[in-house]
Amino acid sequence: MESAILATASEQSFVIDFHKGSEYKNVSVWIEKYEDGELADDEIGRLSLMAEETGSIIFTLPKENEEEKNRTFNIGITSGGSTASSTGLDNNLDEKSSLRASFQVGETSLEEGEAVLAGIVYSDDENGTTSISANFYEDPGEMEKYDVVYLFKAAFVE
């Protein structure tokens, strides 16, 4: 049922379930934007929530209006009966073709600092972009191949 609701209300969505260690009190999520491999914005839609041991992180992209030149992101965290949500907006998105790739969808461990949960790349490559390489998330140089990259990130905070 949840996937049907997300598919109806959004163009793309990612739901990531988490388990955190007892030493952490909060979970924080945000989106970073890179242009031609360089960090352009490090806090689109930052959101934090005091979290129980388990919960879910939700990222959605509402269906685009082709006349608008912006990208809206919805971010949510739910844990222990509490929910927080935020909307991030990027007003500087040129017309690009889009390719989506997800990373670690499902149970995710964030015990080693911040983690990349998912990514979306935009490219106006006339040959078309067909896939993201397997080492995209480990090699920052990979982002230089795309015009715009959004990384969906999370971290547990003490």
C-alpha atoms as a PDB file:
ATOM      1  CA  MET A   1       0.000   0.000   0.000  1.00  0.00           C
ATOM      2  CA  GLU A   2       2.807   2.428   0.880  1.00  0.00           C
ATOM      3  CA  SER A   3       4.519   1.884  -2.473  1.00  0.00           C
ATOM      4  CA  ALA A   4       1.248   2.616  -4.302  1.00  0.00           C
ATOM      5  CA  ILE A   5       0.834   5.892  -2.413  1.00  0.00           C
ATOM      6  CA  LEU A   6       4.429   6.925  -3.136  1.00  0.00           C
ATOM      7  CA  ALA A   7       4.090   6.025  -6.837  1.00  0.00           C
ATOM      8  CA  THR A   8       0.882   8.047  -7.124  1.00  0.00           C
ATOM      9  CA  ALA A   9       2.228  11.143  -5.397  1.00  0.00           C
ATOM     10  CA  SER A  10       5.798  11.181  -6.661  1.00  0.00           C
ATOM     11  CA  GLU A  11       7.973  10.718  -9.705  1.00  0.00           C
ATOM     12  CA  GLN A  12      10.624   8.847  -7.724  1.00  0.00           C
ATOM     13  CA  SER A  13      10.884   7.698  -4.127  1.00  0.00           C
ATOM     14  CA  PHE A  14      13.301   5.943  -1.800  1.00  0.00           C
ATOM     15  CA  VAL A  15      12.378   4.368   1.540  1.00  0.00           C
ATOM     16  CA  ILE A  16      15.255   3.255   3.731  1.00  0.00           C
ATOM     17  CA  ASP A  17      14.685   1.347   6.988  1.00  0.00           C
ATOM     18  CA  PHE A  18      17.304   1.842   9.696  1.00  0.00           C
ATOM     19  CA  HIS A  19      18.539   0.342  12.971  1.00  0.00           C
ATOM     20  CA  LYS A  20      20.718   2.592  15.096  1.00  0.00           C
ATOM     21  CA  GLY A  21      22.988   1.963  18.057  1.00  0.00           C
ATOM     22  CA  SER A  22      21.848   3.075  21.524  1.00  0.00           C
ATOM     23  CA  GLU A  23      24.709   5.618  21.747  1.00  0.00           C
ATOM     24  CA  TYR A  24      23.051   7.741  19.044  1.00  0.00           C
ATOM     25  CA  LYS A  25      20.110   9.989  19.871  1.00  0.00           C
ATOM     26  CA  ASN A  26      19.201  11.635  16.549  1.00  0.00           C
ATOM     27  CA  VAL A  27      19.087  10.783  12.885  1.00  0.00           C
ATOM     28  CA  SER A  28      19.812  13.586  10.416  1.00  0.00           C
ATOM     29  CA  VAL A  29      19.093  13.540   6.665  1.00  0.00           C
ATOM     30  CA  TRP A  30      19.873  16.005   3.877  1.00  0.00           C
ATOM     31  CA  ILE A  31      20.593  16.342   0.179  1.00  0.00           C
ATOM     32  CA  GLU A  32      23.875  17.535  -1.314  1.00  0.00           C
ATOM     33  CA  LYS A  33      24.024  18.995  -4.818  1.00  0.00           C
ATOM     34  CA  TYR A  34      27.091  18.730  -7.054  1.00  0.00           C
ATOM     35  CA  GLU A  35      27.557  20.549 -10.368  1.00  0.00           C
ATOM     36  CA  ASP A  36      30.224  19.151 -12.692  1.00  0.00           C
ATOM     37  CA  GLY A  37      31.708  17.268  -9.737  1.00  0.00           C
ATOM     38  CA  GLU A  38      31.937  20.299  -7.414  1.00  0.00           C
ATOM     39  CA  LEU A  39      29.815  20.722  -4.257  1.00  0.00           C
ATOM     40  CA  ALA A  40      27.238  23.437  -4.996  1.00  0.00           C
ATOM     41  CA  ASP A  41      24.897  23.080  -1.981  1.00  0.00           C
ATOM     42  CA  ASP A  42      25.501  20.934   1.086  1.00  0.00           C
ATOM     43  CA  GLU A  43      22.180  21.224   2.916  1.00  0.00           C
ATOM     44  CA  ILE A  44      19.078  21.030   0.757  1.00  0.00           C
ATOM     45  CA  GLY A  45      16.168  20.221   3.077  1.00  0.00           C
ATOM     46  CA  ARG A  46      18.217  19.199   6.170  1.00  0.00           C
ATOM     47  CA  LEU A  47      16.055  17.446   8.762  1.00  0.00           C
ATOM     48  CA  SER A  48      16.752  15.804  12.144  1.00  0.00           C
ATOM     49  CA  LEU A  49      14.632  13.726  14.511  1.00  0.00           C
ATOM     50  CA  MET A  50      15.230  12.167  17.916  1.00  0.00           C
ATOM     51  CA  ALA A  51      15.009   8.522  16.931  1.00  0.00           C
ATOM     52  CA  GLU A  52      14.291   5.202  18.561  1.00  0.00           C
ATOM     53  CA  GLU A  53      16.375   2.149  17.594  1.00  0.00           C
ATOM     54  CA  THR A  54      14.453   1.578  14.344  1.00  0.00           C
ATOM     55  CA  GLY A  55      12.710   3.778  11.832  1.00  0.00           C
ATOM     56  CA  SER A  56      12.460   4.809   8.207  1.00  0.00           C
ATOM     57  CA  ILE A  57      13.851   7.589   6.056  1.00  0.00           C
ATOM     58  CA  ILE A  58      11.761   8.661   3.072  1.00  0.00           C
ATOM     59  CA  PHE A  59      12.843  10.761   0.093  1.00  0.00           C
ATOM     60  CA  THR A  60      10.354  11.632  -2.648  1.00  0.00           C
ATOM     61  CA  LEU A  61      10.478  13.771  -5.755  1.00  0.00           C
ATOM     62  CA  PRO A  62       7.048  15.142  -6.682  1.00  0.00           C
ATOM     63  CA  LYS A  63       6.054  14.776 -10.302  1.00  0.00           C
ATOM     64  CA  GLU A  64       7.656  17.589 -12.287  1.00  0.00           C
ATOM     65  CA  ASN A  65       5.789  20.402 -13.948  1.00  0.00           C
ATOM     66  CA  GLU A  66       7.637  20.835 -17.256  1.00  0.00           C
ATOM     67  CA  GLU A  67       7.107  24.603 -17.176  1.00  0.00           C
ATOM     68  CA  GLU A  68       8.927  25.006 -13.869  1.00  0.00           C
ATOM     69  CA  LYS A  69      12.726  25.266 -13.691  1.00  0.00           C
ATOM     70  CA  ASN A  70      13.109  23.930 -10.160  1.00  0.00           C
ATOM     71  CA  ARG A  71      13.345  20.617  -8.368  1.00  0.00           C
ATOM     72  CA  THR A  72      11.411  19.914  -5.171  1.00  0.00           C
ATOM     73  CA  PHE A  73      12.450  17.215  -2.693  1.00  0.00           C
ATOM     74  CA  ASN A  74      10.356  15.853   0.168  1.00  0.00           C
ATOM     75  CA  ILE A  75      12.207  14.311   3.095  1.00  0.00           C
ATOM     76  CA  GLY A  76      10.692  12.422   6.003  1.00  0.00           C
ATOM     77  CA  ILE A  77      11.861  10.490   9.039  1.00  0.00           C
ATOM     78  CA  THR A  78       9.638   8.251  11.124  1.00  0.00           C
ATOM     79  CA  SER A  79      10.702   6.468  14.304  1.00  0.00           C
ATOM     80  CA  GLY A  80       8.994   5.359  17.503  1.00  0.00           C
ATOM     81  CA  GLY A  81       5.677   6.945  16.593  1.00  0.00           C
ATOM     82  CA  SER A  82       7.236  10.335  15.751  1.00  0.00           C
ATOM     83  CA  THR A  83       7.418  11.780  12.264  1.00  0.00           C
ATOM     84  CA  ALA A  84       9.247  14.816  10.883  1.00  0.00           C
ATOM     85  CA  SER A  85       9.193  16.121   7.338  1.00  0.00           C
ATOM     86  CA  SER A  86      10.822  18.834   5.285  1.00  0.00           C
ATOM     87  CA  THR A  87      10.740  20.152   1.741  1.00  0.00           C
ATOM     88  CA  GLY A  88      13.893  21.197  -0.060  1.00  0.00           C
ATOM     89  CA  LEU A  89      13.876  23.308  -3.200  1.00  0.00           C
ATOM     90  CA  ASP A  90      16.527  23.801  -5.856  1.00  0.00           C
ATOM     91  CA  ASN A  91      15.663  26.741  -8.100  1.00  0.00           C
ATOM     92  CA  ASN A  92      18.714  26.349 -10.344  1.00  0.00           C
ATOM     93  CA  LEU A  93      18.046  23.247 -12.398  1.00  0.00           C
ATOM     94  CA  ASP A  94      18.424  23.644 -16.135  1.00  0.00           C
ATOM     95  CA  GLU A  95      16.623  21.336 -18.526  1.00  0.00           C
ATOM     96  CA  LYS A  96      18.421  17.995 -18.283  1.00  0.00           C
ATOM     97  CA  SER A  97      17.563  14.429 -19.046  1.00  0.00           C
ATOM     98  CA  SER A  98      17.266  12.422 -15.850  1.00  0.00           C
ATOM     99  CA  LEU A  99      18.620   9.109 -14.668  1.00  0.00           C
ATOM    100  CA  ARG A 100      17.907   7.659 -11.250  1.00  0.00           C
ATOM    101  CA  ALA A 101      19.987   5.233  -9.250  1.00  0.00           C
ATOM    102  CA  SER A 102      19.442   3.986  -5.738  1.00  0.00           C
ATOM    103  CA  PHE A 103      21.933   2.704  -3.205  1.00  0.00           C
ATOM    104  CA  GLN A 104      21.315   0.435  -0.217  1.00  0.00           C
ATOM    105  CA  VAL A 105      17.544   0.529  -0.328  1.00  0.00           C
ATOM    106  CA  GLY A 106      16.235  -1.459   2.635  1.00  0.00           C
ATOM    107  CA  GLU A 107      17.998  -2.132   5.948  1.00  0.00           C
ATOM    108  CA  THR A 108      20.892   0.331   6.279  1.00  0.00           C
ATOM    109  CA  SER A 109      23.652   0.692   8.868  1.00  0.00           C
ATOM    110  CA  LEU A 110      24.837   4.237   9.477  1.00  0.00           C
ATOM    111  CA  GLU A 111      27.249   3.414  12.275  1.00  0.00           C
ATOM    112  CA  GLU A 112      30.331   4.770  10.492  1.00  0.00           C
ATOM    113  CA  GLY A 113      29.337   8.446  10.235  1.00  0.00           C
ATOM    114  CA  GLU A 114      27.366   9.755   7.313  1.00  0.00           C
ATOM    115  CA  ALA A 115      26.211   7.502   4.496  1.00  0.00           C
ATOM    116  CA  VAL A 116      24.956   8.028   0.963  1.00  0.00           C
ATOM    117  CA  LEU A 117      21.533   6.382   0.725  1.00  0.00           C
ATOM    118  CA  ALA A 118      20.621   7.226  -2.861  1.00  0.00           C
ATOM    119  CA  GLY A 119      21.527   9.473  -5.742  1.00  0.00           C
ATOM    120  CA  ILE A 120      19.987  11.129  -8.757  1.00  0.00           C
ATOM    121  CA  VAL A 121      22.027  12.383 -11.689  1.00  0.00           C
ATOM    122  CA  TYR A 122      21.084  14.808 -14.446  1.00  0.00           C
ATOM    123  CA  SER A 123      22.947  15.018 -17.712  1.00  0.00           C
ATOM    124  CA  ASP A 124      22.353  16.709 -21.041  1.00  0.00           C
ATOM    125  CA  ASP A 125      24.737  14.314 -22.798  1.00  0.00           C
ATOM    126  CA  GLU A 126      23.448  14.031 -26.358  1.00  0.00           C
ATOM    127  CA  ASN A 127      24.359  10.342 -26.412  1.00  0.00           C
ATOM    128  CA  GLY A 128      22.193   9.758 -23.348  1.00  0.00           C
ATOM    129  CA  THR A 129      23.268   8.409 -20.005  1.00  0.00           C
ATOM    130  CA  THR A 130      22.292   4.790 -19.609  1.00  0.00           C
ATOM    131  CA  SER A 131      23.761   3.777 -16.259  1.00  0.00           C
ATOM    132  CA  ILE A 132      25.764   4.831 -13.248  1.00  0.00           C
ATOM    133  CA  SER A 133      28.999   2.922 -12.683  1.00  0.00           C
ATOM    134  CA  ALA A 134      29.269   0.440  -9.799  1.00  0.00           C
ATOM    135  CA  ASN A 135      31.822   2.634  -7.993  1.00  0.00           C
ATOM    136  CA  PHE A 136      29.832   5.869  -8.395  1.00  0.00           C
ATOM    137  CA  TYR A 137      29.321   6.333  -4.634  1.00  0.00           C
ATOM    138  CA  GLU A 138      32.889   5.443  -3.654  1.00  0.00           C
ATOM    139  CA  ASP A 139      34.737   7.538  -6.255  1.00  0.00           C
ATOM    140  CA  PRO A 140      34.021  11.298  -6.147  1.00  0.00           C
ATOM    141  CA  GLY A 141      35.580  11.630  -9.611  1.00  0.00           C
ATOM    142  CA  GLU A 142      32.618   9.733 -11.052  1.00  0.00           C
ATOM    143  CA  MET A 143      30.368  12.732 -10.353  1.00  0.00           C
ATOM    144  CA  GLU A 144      32.319  14.834 -12.866  1.00  0.00           C
ATOM    145  CA  LYS A 145      30.707  12.795 -15.661  1.00  0.00           C
ATOM    146  CA  TYR A 146      27.295  14.336 -14.915  1.00  0.00           C
ATOM    147  CA  ASP A 147      26.019  17.914 -15.033  1.00  0.00           C
ATOM    148  CA  VAL A 148      24.117  17.753 -11.742  1.00  0.00           C
ATOM    149  CA  VAL A 149      24.214  15.107  -9.000  1.00  0.00           C
ATOM    150  CA  TYR A 150      22.013  14.997  -5.907  1.00  0.00           C
ATOM    151  CA  LEU A 151      23.178  12.727  -3.088  1.00  0.00           C
ATOM    152  CA  PHE A 152      20.662  11.752  -0.418  1.00  0.00           C
ATOM    153  CA  LYS A 153      22.625  11.398   2.830  1.00  0.00           C
ATOM    154  CA  ALA A 154      22.007  10.445   6.453  1.00  0.00           C
ATOM    155  CA  ALA A 155      23.930  10.231   9.724  1.00  0.00           C
ATOM    156  CA  PHE A 156      23.268   9.297  13.321  1.00  0.00           C
ATOM    157  CA  VAL A 157      24.238  11.982  15.830  1.00  0.00           C
ATOM    158  CA  GLU A 158      25.115  11.487  19.514  1.00  0.00           C
END
